[in-house]
N, C-alpha and C. Protein backbone atom coordinates (compact mmCIF):
# COMPACT_ATOMS: atom_id res chain seq x y z
N MET A 1 155.83 111.10 78.88
CA MET A 1 154.36 111.15 78.73
C MET A 1 153.98 112.45 78.63
N LYS A 2 153.16 112.77 77.50
CA LYS A 2 152.56 114.33 77.57
C LYS A 2 151.25 114.10 77.63
N TRP A 3 150.67 115.27 77.60
CA TRP A 3 149.23 115.86 78.06
C TRP A 3 147.96 114.88 78.06
N PRO A 4 147.74 114.21 76.63
CA PRO A 4 146.32 113.38 76.95
C PRO A 4 146.79 112.13 77.44
N PHE A 5 148.05 111.71 77.62
CA PHE A 5 148.31 110.50 78.38
C PHE A 5 148.42 110.48 79.85
N VAL A 6 147.80 109.36 80.68
CA VAL A 6 148.06 109.65 82.07
C VAL A 6 148.53 108.01 82.20
N SER A 7 149.54 108.39 83.32
CA SER A 7 150.03 106.66 83.82
C SER A 7 148.86 105.97 84.46
N ARG A 8 149.14 104.81 84.59
CA ARG A 8 148.28 103.72 85.33
C ARG A 8 148.27 104.11 86.55
N ARG A 9 149.30 104.61 87.51
CA ARG A 9 149.44 104.80 88.93
C ARG A 9 148.52 106.17 89.00
N ARG A 10 148.58 107.10 88.35
CA ARG A 10 147.77 108.24 88.49
C ARG A 10 146.30 107.97 87.96
N TYR A 11 146.04 107.25 87.04
CA TYR A 11 144.78 106.97 86.79
C TYR A 11 143.90 105.87 87.92
N ASP A 12 144.56 105.03 88.54
CA ASP A 12 144.12 104.35 89.71
C ASP A 12 143.99 105.35 91.17
N GLU A 13 145.07 106.19 91.04
CA GLU A 13 144.52 107.22 92.39
C GLU A 13 143.53 108.17 91.91
N ALA A 14 143.23 108.42 90.92
CA ALA A 14 142.09 109.21 90.64
C ALA A 14 140.83 108.62 90.82
N GLU A 15 140.93 107.39 90.24
CA GLU A 15 139.79 106.58 90.09
C GLU A 15 139.28 105.98 91.76
N THR A 16 140.30 105.84 92.53
CA THR A 16 140.00 105.60 93.91
C THR A 16 139.40 106.84 94.60
N ALA A 17 139.93 107.82 94.13
CA ALA A 17 139.48 109.28 94.76
C ALA A 17 137.90 109.58 94.25
N ARG A 18 137.71 109.33 93.04
CA ARG A 18 136.34 109.28 92.33
C ARG A 18 135.47 108.44 93.14
N ARG A 19 135.67 107.32 93.47
CA ARG A 19 134.95 106.12 93.88
C ARG A 19 134.82 106.67 95.44
N GLN A 20 135.64 107.09 96.23
CA GLN A 20 135.28 107.66 97.48
C GLN A 20 134.50 108.77 97.52
N LEU A 21 134.66 109.76 96.89
CA LEU A 21 133.64 110.81 96.52
C LEU A 21 132.22 110.55 96.27
N ALA A 22 132.15 109.30 95.33
CA ALA A 22 130.68 108.89 95.01
C ALA A 22 130.26 108.25 96.17
N ALA A 23 130.99 107.45 97.04
CA ALA A 23 130.36 106.95 98.16
C ALA A 23 129.73 107.73 99.09
N ARG A 24 130.84 108.89 99.39
CA ARG A 24 130.27 110.02 100.35
C ARG A 24 129.09 110.65 99.77
N HIS A 25 128.92 110.89 98.40
CA HIS A 25 127.93 111.51 97.97
C HIS A 25 126.50 110.52 98.17
N ALA A 26 126.72 109.32 97.96
CA ALA A 26 125.50 108.42 97.97
C ALA A 26 125.07 108.68 99.61
N SER A 27 125.92 108.42 100.60
CA SER A 27 125.57 108.45 102.02
C SER A 27 125.04 109.87 102.25
N LEU A 28 125.28 110.97 101.61
CA LEU A 28 124.83 112.16 101.85
C LEU A 28 123.47 112.23 101.36
N GLU A 29 123.25 111.66 100.21
CA GLU A 29 121.99 111.37 99.71
C GLU A 29 120.99 110.78 100.64
N GLU A 30 121.37 109.49 101.01
CA GLU A 30 120.65 108.53 102.02
C GLU A 30 120.55 109.61 103.29
N LEU A 31 121.31 110.21 103.71
CA LEU A 31 120.78 111.21 104.88
C LEU A 31 119.94 112.36 104.60
N TYR A 32 120.29 112.91 103.43
CA TYR A 32 119.31 113.91 103.07
C TYR A 32 117.79 113.26 102.79
N ALA A 33 117.77 112.00 102.31
CA ALA A 33 116.64 111.60 102.16
C ALA A 33 115.66 111.37 103.63
N GLY A 34 116.49 110.72 104.30
CA GLY A 34 116.12 110.32 105.77
C GLY A 34 115.49 111.76 106.54
N ALA A 35 116.44 112.93 106.29
CA ALA A 35 116.06 113.97 106.72
C ALA A 35 114.73 114.57 106.27
N SER A 36 114.69 114.39 104.99
CA SER A 36 113.48 114.99 104.52
C SER A 36 112.06 114.36 104.75
N ILE A 37 112.32 112.87 105.02
CA ILE A 37 111.14 112.10 105.45
C ILE A 37 110.70 112.46 106.97
N VAL A 38 111.96 112.69 107.83
CA VAL A 38 111.57 113.08 109.07
C VAL A 38 110.94 114.49 109.30
N ASN A 39 111.58 115.35 108.28
CA ASN A 39 111.00 116.68 108.26
C ASN A 39 109.48 116.74 107.89
N THR A 40 108.99 115.87 106.88
CA THR A 40 107.78 115.89 106.47
C THR A 40 106.93 115.55 107.47
N CYS A 41 107.38 114.37 108.33
CA CYS A 41 106.24 113.96 109.30
C CYS A 41 106.19 114.82 110.32
N VAL A 42 107.58 115.73 110.70
CA VAL A 42 107.20 116.56 111.91
C VAL A 42 106.48 117.53 111.51
N THR A 43 106.47 118.16 110.00
CA THR A 43 105.63 119.15 109.64
C THR A 43 104.12 118.93 109.75
N GLU A 44 103.93 117.57 109.10
CA GLU A 44 102.32 117.10 109.11
C GLU A 44 101.89 117.08 110.77
N GLU A 45 102.78 116.61 111.74
CA GLU A 45 102.11 116.54 112.99
C GLU A 45 102.06 117.74 113.59
N LEU A 46 103.14 118.73 113.28
CA LEU A 46 102.81 120.31 113.84
C LEU A 46 101.47 120.73 113.26
N ALA A 47 101.29 120.66 111.92
CA ALA A 47 100.14 121.14 111.65
C ALA A 47 98.96 120.64 112.10
N ALA A 48 98.86 119.35 112.26
CA ALA A 48 97.82 118.74 112.92
C ALA A 48 97.49 119.24 114.43
N ALA A 49 98.66 119.51 115.21
CA ALA A 49 98.62 119.98 116.50
C ALA A 49 98.18 121.55 116.49
N ARG A 50 98.54 122.40 115.20
CA ARG A 50 98.06 123.66 115.30
C ARG A 50 96.32 123.43 115.00
N ASN A 51 96.11 122.73 114.09
CA ASN A 51 94.73 122.52 114.16
C ASN A 51 93.88 122.19 115.31
N ARG A 52 94.52 121.37 116.12
CA ARG A 52 93.69 120.95 117.22
C ARG A 52 93.71 122.11 118.27
N ILE A 53 94.83 123.02 118.13
CA ILE A 53 94.81 123.91 119.08
C ILE A 53 93.95 124.96 118.56
N ALA A 54 93.71 125.35 117.24
CA ALA A 54 92.81 126.42 116.62
C ALA A 54 91.28 125.88 117.06
N GLU A 55 91.36 124.59 116.72
CA GLU A 55 89.91 123.95 117.18
C GLU A 55 89.20 124.23 118.39
N TYR A 56 90.24 124.08 119.40
CA TYR A 56 89.95 124.61 120.92
C TYR A 56 89.58 126.09 121.04
N GLY A 57 90.44 126.88 120.34
CA GLY A 57 90.35 128.36 120.40
C GLY A 57 90.85 129.08 121.60
N VAL A 58 90.62 128.31 122.82
CA VAL A 58 91.46 128.85 124.11
C VAL A 58 92.09 127.71 124.68
N ARG A 59 92.90 128.13 125.63
CA ARG A 59 93.46 127.01 126.45
C ARG A 59 92.61 126.36 127.18
N ARG A 60 92.82 125.11 127.35
CA ARG A 60 91.93 123.87 128.27
C ARG A 60 92.54 123.62 129.56
N THR A 61 91.59 123.75 130.34
CA THR A 61 92.03 123.64 131.78
C THR A 61 92.15 122.02 131.97
N VAL A 62 92.95 121.54 132.99
CA VAL A 62 92.70 120.33 133.61
C VAL A 62 91.39 119.67 133.57
N SER A 63 90.40 120.54 134.19
CA SER A 63 89.16 120.08 134.43
C SER A 63 88.50 119.76 132.89
N ASP A 64 88.68 120.64 131.87
CA ASP A 64 88.32 120.14 130.59
C ASP A 64 88.72 118.85 129.87
N VAL A 65 89.92 118.83 130.28
CA VAL A 65 90.59 117.60 129.60
C VAL A 65 89.72 116.52 130.42
N LEU A 66 89.71 116.42 131.61
CA LEU A 66 89.39 115.32 132.52
C LEU A 66 87.78 114.90 132.01
N VAL A 67 87.02 116.17 131.98
CA VAL A 67 85.59 115.99 131.26
C VAL A 67 85.74 115.37 129.90
N GLU A 68 86.57 115.53 129.07
CA GLU A 68 86.59 115.30 127.72
C GLU A 68 87.07 113.63 127.74
N HIS A 69 88.12 113.33 128.60
CA HIS A 69 88.47 111.77 128.92
C HIS A 69 87.21 111.23 129.47
N ASP A 70 86.62 111.71 130.40
CA ASP A 70 85.30 110.90 130.86
C ASP A 70 84.34 110.75 129.95
N VAL A 71 84.00 111.56 129.17
CA VAL A 71 83.14 111.62 127.96
C VAL A 71 83.49 110.47 127.04
N HIS A 72 85.07 110.20 126.38
CA HIS A 72 85.32 109.15 125.63
C HIS A 72 85.26 107.97 126.46
N ARG A 73 85.54 107.93 127.76
CA ARG A 73 85.52 106.43 128.49
C ARG A 73 84.21 106.12 128.35
N LYS A 74 82.98 106.89 128.79
CA LYS A 74 81.67 106.57 128.60
C LYS A 74 81.21 106.16 127.54
N ALA A 75 81.83 106.64 126.47
CA ALA A 75 81.23 106.12 125.04
C ALA A 75 81.86 104.85 124.99
N LEU A 76 82.99 104.78 125.16
CA LEU A 76 83.46 103.15 124.73
C LEU A 76 82.67 102.17 125.98
N ALA A 77 82.32 102.47 127.07
CA ALA A 77 81.60 102.03 128.05
C ALA A 77 80.38 101.65 127.37
N ASP A 78 79.84 102.51 126.75
CA ASP A 78 78.36 102.39 126.27
C ASP A 78 78.34 101.34 124.94
N ALA A 79 79.31 101.54 124.16
CA ALA A 79 79.53 100.88 123.16
C ALA A 79 79.74 99.29 123.57
N LEU A 80 80.34 99.16 124.68
CA LEU A 80 80.52 97.61 125.14
C LEU A 80 79.24 97.09 126.07
N GLY A 81 78.50 98.27 126.44
CA GLY A 81 77.23 97.76 127.22
C GLY A 81 77.12 98.72 128.40
N ASP A 82 75.82 98.87 128.66
CA ASP A 82 75.67 99.50 129.81
C ASP A 82 76.16 99.30 131.21
N GLN A 83 76.55 98.08 131.42
CA GLN A 83 77.04 97.68 132.64
C GLN A 83 78.59 97.73 132.83
N LYS A 84 78.98 98.25 131.70
CA LYS A 84 80.62 98.48 131.70
C LYS A 84 80.96 100.02 132.36
N TYR A 85 79.94 100.76 132.67
CA TYR A 85 80.35 102.10 133.09
C TYR A 85 81.21 102.43 134.32
N HIS A 86 81.35 101.42 135.11
CA HIS A 86 82.31 101.45 136.04
C HIS A 86 83.92 100.98 135.87
N LEU A 87 83.96 100.58 134.69
CA LEU A 87 85.21 100.14 134.31
C LEU A 87 86.24 101.55 134.06
N ASN A 88 87.26 101.23 134.31
CA ASN A 88 88.46 102.54 133.82
C ASN A 88 89.06 102.11 132.53
N TRP A 89 89.74 103.11 132.15
CA TRP A 89 90.33 102.96 130.65
C TRP A 89 91.25 101.44 130.52
N ASP A 90 91.90 101.28 131.52
CA ASP A 90 92.56 99.93 131.31
C ASP A 90 91.65 98.81 131.08
N GLN A 91 90.61 98.94 131.97
CA GLN A 91 89.87 97.73 132.09
C GLN A 91 89.09 97.69 130.78
N LEU A 92 88.72 98.76 130.18
CA LEU A 92 87.89 98.90 129.15
C LEU A 92 88.71 98.41 127.76
N ILE A 93 90.06 98.64 127.73
CA ILE A 93 90.91 98.46 126.58
C ILE A 93 91.12 96.81 126.86
N ALA A 94 91.16 96.24 128.04
CA ALA A 94 91.47 94.74 128.16
C ALA A 94 90.03 94.00 127.67
N GLU A 95 88.75 94.67 128.21
CA GLU A 95 87.60 94.18 127.50
C GLU A 95 87.62 94.20 126.14
N VAL A 96 87.87 95.27 125.32
CA VAL A 96 87.83 95.49 124.12
C VAL A 96 88.80 94.42 123.23
N ALA A 97 89.91 94.09 124.09
CA ALA A 97 91.07 92.99 123.44
C ALA A 97 90.47 91.67 123.51
N ARG A 98 89.73 91.65 124.73
CA ARG A 98 89.23 89.82 124.97
C ARG A 98 88.15 89.90 123.72
N LEU A 99 87.09 90.90 123.64
CA LEU A 99 86.16 90.52 122.70
C LEU A 99 86.50 90.59 121.29
N ASN A 100 87.55 91.45 121.02
CA ASN A 100 88.28 91.20 119.61
C ASN A 100 88.98 89.87 119.34
N ALA A 101 89.73 89.08 120.50
CA ALA A 101 90.24 87.96 120.50
C ALA A 101 89.01 87.02 120.05
N ALA A 102 88.01 87.01 120.79
CA ALA A 102 86.88 86.04 120.90
C ALA A 102 86.21 86.12 119.32
N ALA A 103 86.37 87.43 118.84
CA ALA A 103 85.52 87.66 117.47
C ALA A 103 86.38 86.91 116.44
N GLU A 104 87.75 87.12 116.54
CA GLU A 104 88.90 86.47 115.79
C GLU A 104 88.63 84.77 115.77
N ALA A 105 88.49 84.53 117.00
CA ALA A 105 88.39 82.85 117.11
C ALA A 105 87.15 82.44 116.42
N TRP A 106 85.90 83.09 116.62
CA TRP A 106 84.80 82.70 116.14
C TRP A 106 84.99 82.78 114.61
N MET A 107 85.33 83.98 113.92
CA MET A 107 85.47 83.98 112.51
C MET A 107 86.28 82.89 111.90
N ALA A 108 87.48 82.41 112.72
CA ALA A 108 88.29 81.20 112.25
C ALA A 108 87.39 79.86 112.23
N ASP A 109 86.60 79.95 113.51
CA ASP A 109 85.71 78.58 113.59
C ASP A 109 84.79 78.54 112.17
N HIS A 110 84.24 79.76 112.10
CA HIS A 110 83.29 79.95 110.91
C HIS A 110 83.87 79.55 109.80
N ALA A 111 85.01 80.05 109.49
CA ALA A 111 85.83 79.77 108.19
C ALA A 111 86.02 78.17 107.92
N ALA A 112 86.60 77.55 109.20
CA ALA A 112 86.85 76.21 108.99
C ALA A 112 85.47 75.22 108.75
N GLU A 113 84.59 75.81 109.34
CA GLU A 113 83.25 75.18 109.39
C GLU A 113 82.67 75.14 107.88
N LYS A 114 82.63 76.37 107.31
CA LYS A 114 82.11 76.73 106.02
C LYS A 114 83.06 76.04 105.01
N LYS A 115 84.30 75.80 105.28
CA LYS A 115 85.25 74.90 104.21
C LYS A 115 84.90 73.72 104.28
N ARG A 116 84.49 72.99 105.56
CA ARG A 116 84.02 71.72 105.58
C ARG A 116 82.79 71.58 105.00
N ALA A 117 81.83 72.27 105.33
CA ALA A 117 80.43 72.07 104.52
C ALA A 117 80.64 72.35 103.16
N ASP A 118 81.47 73.05 102.52
CA ASP A 118 81.71 73.11 101.16
C ASP A 118 82.21 71.89 100.68
N ARG A 119 83.14 71.40 101.10
CA ARG A 119 83.78 70.03 100.74
C ARG A 119 82.74 68.84 100.74
N LEU A 120 81.85 68.75 101.91
CA LEU A 120 80.80 67.94 101.98
C LEU A 120 79.81 68.11 100.95
N GLN A 121 79.57 69.21 100.47
CA GLN A 121 78.64 69.68 99.58
C GLN A 121 79.03 69.41 98.17
N ALA A 122 80.10 69.62 98.08
CA ALA A 122 80.95 68.92 96.63
C ALA A 122 80.86 67.61 96.64
N ARG A 123 81.16 66.96 97.73
CA ARG A 123 81.12 65.32 97.68
C ARG A 123 79.56 64.95 97.50
N LEU A 124 78.66 65.59 97.77
CA LEU A 124 77.12 65.08 97.58
C LEU A 124 76.84 65.48 96.23
N ASP A 125 77.27 66.74 95.73
CA ASP A 125 76.97 66.69 94.25
C ASP A 125 77.69 65.76 93.39
N ASP A 126 78.76 65.29 93.71
CA ASP A 126 79.58 64.39 92.86
C ASP A 126 78.81 62.98 93.11
N ALA A 127 78.39 62.99 94.08
CA ALA A 127 77.73 61.51 94.38
C ALA A 127 76.42 61.53 93.79
N LEU A 128 75.51 62.45 93.72
CA LEU A 128 74.30 62.36 93.17
C LEU A 128 74.49 62.91 91.50
N GLY A 129 75.74 63.16 90.91
CA GLY A 129 75.76 63.16 89.44
C GLY A 129 75.44 64.67 88.88
N LEU A 130 75.33 65.73 89.92
CA LEU A 130 74.90 67.12 89.71
C LEU A 130 75.95 67.84 89.10
N ASN A 131 77.48 67.30 88.90
CA ASN A 131 78.30 67.90 88.30
C ASN A 131 78.77 67.76 86.80
N THR A 132 77.67 66.92 86.26
CA THR A 132 77.89 66.56 84.90
C THR A 132 77.60 67.58 84.01
N HIS A 133 78.25 67.34 82.69
CA HIS A 133 78.24 68.61 81.58
C HIS A 133 76.77 68.97 81.07
N ALA A 134 75.85 67.82 81.09
CA ALA A 134 74.63 68.17 81.01
C ALA A 134 73.87 69.02 82.03
N ILE A 135 74.12 68.81 83.36
CA ILE A 135 73.56 69.51 84.28
C ILE A 135 73.88 70.98 84.00
N VAL A 136 75.17 70.94 84.00
CA VAL A 136 75.58 72.35 83.95
C VAL A 136 75.19 73.18 82.82
N ALA A 137 75.03 72.55 81.71
CA ALA A 137 74.45 73.11 80.38
C ALA A 137 73.01 73.37 80.59
N GLY A 138 72.21 72.68 81.23
CA GLY A 138 70.93 72.89 81.44
C GLY A 138 70.75 74.10 82.49
N ALA A 139 71.74 74.27 83.47
CA ALA A 139 71.38 75.32 84.35
C ALA A 139 71.56 76.73 83.63
N MET A 140 72.60 76.64 82.52
CA MET A 140 72.69 78.00 81.86
C MET A 140 71.65 78.11 80.79
N TRP A 141 70.99 77.09 80.51
CA TRP A 141 70.00 77.20 79.53
C TRP A 141 68.53 77.81 80.47
N ARG A 142 68.38 77.14 81.80
CA ARG A 142 67.25 77.80 82.27
C ARG A 142 67.68 79.32 82.81
N ASP A 143 68.89 79.64 82.98
CA ASP A 143 69.20 81.10 83.58
C ASP A 143 68.77 82.03 82.12
N ARG A 144 69.10 81.61 80.81
CA ARG A 144 68.61 82.43 79.72
C ARG A 144 67.13 82.28 79.23
N ARG A 145 66.51 81.43 79.68
CA ARG A 145 65.29 80.88 79.15
C ARG A 145 64.01 82.09 79.69
N THR A 146 63.27 82.42 78.72
CA THR A 146 62.41 83.48 79.16
C THR A 146 61.01 82.65 79.19
N ASP A 147 60.24 82.98 80.14
CA ASP A 147 58.62 82.34 80.02
C ASP A 147 58.01 82.68 78.75
N LYS A 148 57.56 81.45 78.08
CA LYS A 148 56.50 81.79 76.87
C LYS A 148 55.12 81.66 77.13
N LYS A 149 54.68 81.30 78.43
CA LYS A 149 53.10 81.59 78.60
C LYS A 149 52.58 82.81 78.37
N GLY A 150 53.10 83.69 78.64
CA GLY A 150 52.28 85.15 78.40
C GLY A 150 52.10 85.54 76.85
N HIS A 151 53.02 84.56 76.02
CA HIS A 151 52.85 85.18 74.40
C HIS A 151 51.74 84.25 73.73
N GLN A 152 51.10 83.33 74.44
CA GLN A 152 50.17 82.47 73.69
C GLN A 152 48.75 83.03 73.43
């Protein structure tokens, strides 16, 4: 066999080598994409940290950090109510979680009650005949009607 012709064995070997290289290339692209994402996140966090450091201007002492911590704790306690000032962070976070759970439970009860009331209202409308075509058409007419008394 001469130049433009390739044996089946050599073709299979070359194809296998090509597939292996393609698989390695794909895995390298995945690794590069993952590294790029991590690099972007680290860069954003570093920029945010630099901005915070620039915001403070000088190094902060432990007492400065503790004062800021106490200010935030008192703000959270004030948001929960004046009687919560004696609570520490863990107690405040637990109180917020408890209040959040209670609010979610209330919202679920409210949604269920609203659904029940809407269903009862629909049944009442059906029983009184308020869902007929004539009633619906009349409602649309009333919405478009202008008062004629002023033109007489």
